[in-house]
Amino acid sequence: MRRNDLLKLHWLEPQARGDAVPNRLQLKQAFITWLAIYPVITILLWQLGPEIRTLPLAVRTLILTAILVPAMAFLLVPALNGLLAPWLSNE
């Protein structure tokens, strides 16, 4: 099998291998999640980074996720879903 055929089979046609292919809505939800997470993590690291840099990694992760997860679950993702509802429903 040629290299291009292998790449096509692996990346472009996963259904040919029997893999589940994410539908368009799943891809849009993944994008919305990233759209919410990226700026929040950047802001948290910018604001809290100097104060928490001496803490162990597990404690820094605990602090960041304790802020990030509720913000994502209750504020940002619902707000973005509402804002982008027309785009989400347009499959």
Protein backbone atom coordinates (compact mmCIF):
# COMPACT_ATOMS: atom_id res chain seq x y z
CA MET A 1 0.00 0.00 0.00
CA ARG A 2 1.34 3.44 -0.93
CA ARG A 3 2.01 6.12 1.68
CA ASN A 4 -0.76 8.38 0.31
CA ASP A 5 -3.23 5.53 0.60
CA LEU A 6 -2.24 4.96 4.23
CA LEU A 7 -2.60 8.66 5.03
CA LYS A 8 -5.97 8.79 3.32
CA LEU A 9 -7.15 5.69 5.16
CA HIS A 10 -5.94 7.01 8.52
CA TRP A 11 -6.88 10.71 8.36
CA LEU A 12 -9.41 11.26 5.62
CA GLU A 13 -11.59 8.17 5.63
CA PRO A 14 -11.83 6.79 9.17
CA GLN A 15 -15.23 5.28 8.37
CA ALA A 16 -13.44 2.96 5.91
CA ARG A 17 -11.68 1.44 8.94
CA GLY A 18 -14.92 1.22 10.87
CA ASP A 19 -14.03 4.09 13.23
CA ALA A 20 -16.72 6.38 14.55
CA VAL A 21 -16.61 9.70 12.76
CA PRO A 22 -17.44 12.76 14.87
CA ASN A 23 -20.47 14.51 13.49
CA ARG A 24 -20.50 18.21 12.71
CA LEU A 25 -22.22 19.14 15.99
CA GLN A 26 -19.54 17.32 18.03
CA LEU A 27 -16.83 19.20 16.14
CA LYS A 28 -18.60 22.51 16.75
CA GLN A 29 -18.98 21.72 20.47
CA ALA A 30 -15.27 20.88 20.67
CA PHE A 31 -14.48 24.24 19.06
CA ILE A 32 -16.75 26.08 21.52
CA THR A 33 -15.05 24.31 24.43
CA TRP A 34 -11.64 25.35 23.16
CA LEU A 35 -12.92 28.88 22.49
CA ALA A 36 -13.93 29.15 26.15
CA ILE A 37 -10.97 27.36 27.74
CA TYR A 38 -8.08 29.06 25.94
CA PRO A 39 -8.68 32.64 27.09
CA VAL A 40 -9.60 31.58 30.63
CA ILE A 41 -6.44 29.52 31.06
CA THR A 42 -4.37 32.36 29.59
CA ILE A 43 -5.90 34.91 31.96
CA LEU A 44 -5.57 32.62 34.99
CA LEU A 45 -1.92 31.92 34.25
CA TRP A 46 -1.26 35.62 33.66
CA GLN A 47 -2.98 36.69 36.88
CA LEU A 48 -2.15 33.79 39.19
CA GLY A 49 1.08 32.53 37.67
CA PRO A 50 3.49 34.62 39.73
CA GLU A 51 1.65 33.90 43.00
CA ILE A 52 1.35 30.14 42.53
CA ARG A 53 4.57 29.33 40.66
CA THR A 54 6.33 28.13 43.83
CA LEU A 55 3.54 25.68 44.69
CA PRO A 56 3.80 22.03 43.67
CA LEU A 57 2.38 21.22 40.23
CA ALA A 58 -0.53 19.23 41.67
CA VAL A 59 -1.59 22.18 43.85
CA ARG A 60 -1.31 24.65 40.94
CA THR A 61 -3.42 22.32 38.80
CA LEU A 62 -5.97 21.98 41.59
CA ILE A 63 -6.27 25.77 41.91
CA LEU A 64 -6.58 26.35 38.17
CA THR A 65 -9.13 23.58 37.64
CA ALA A 66 -11.14 24.63 40.70
CA ILE A 67 -11.67 27.98 38.95
CA LEU A 68 -11.81 26.77 35.35
CA VAL A 69 -14.29 23.90 35.57
CA PRO A 70 -17.18 25.79 37.23
CA ALA A 71 -16.57 28.80 34.98
CA MET A 72 -16.77 26.55 31.93
CA ALA A 73 -19.72 24.44 33.06
CA PHE A 74 -21.96 27.18 34.43
CA LEU A 75 -20.94 30.37 32.64
CA LEU A 76 -18.85 30.23 29.50
CA VAL A 77 -20.06 27.18 27.58
CA PRO A 78 -23.76 27.94 28.21
CA ALA A 79 -23.20 31.57 27.17
CA LEU A 80 -21.32 30.58 24.02
CA ASN A 81 -23.94 27.94 23.19
CA GLY A 82 -26.62 30.62 23.41
CA LEU A 83 -24.59 33.13 21.45
CA LEU A 84 -23.69 30.64 18.74
CA ALA A 85 -27.02 28.74 18.70
CA PRO A 86 -27.78 29.60 15.05
CA TRP A 87 -24.38 28.28 13.99
CA LEU A 88 -24.76 25.16 16.14
CA SER A 89 -28.17 24.33 14.71
CA ASN A 90 -27.00 24.84 11.14
CA GLU A 91 -25.65 21.44 10.27
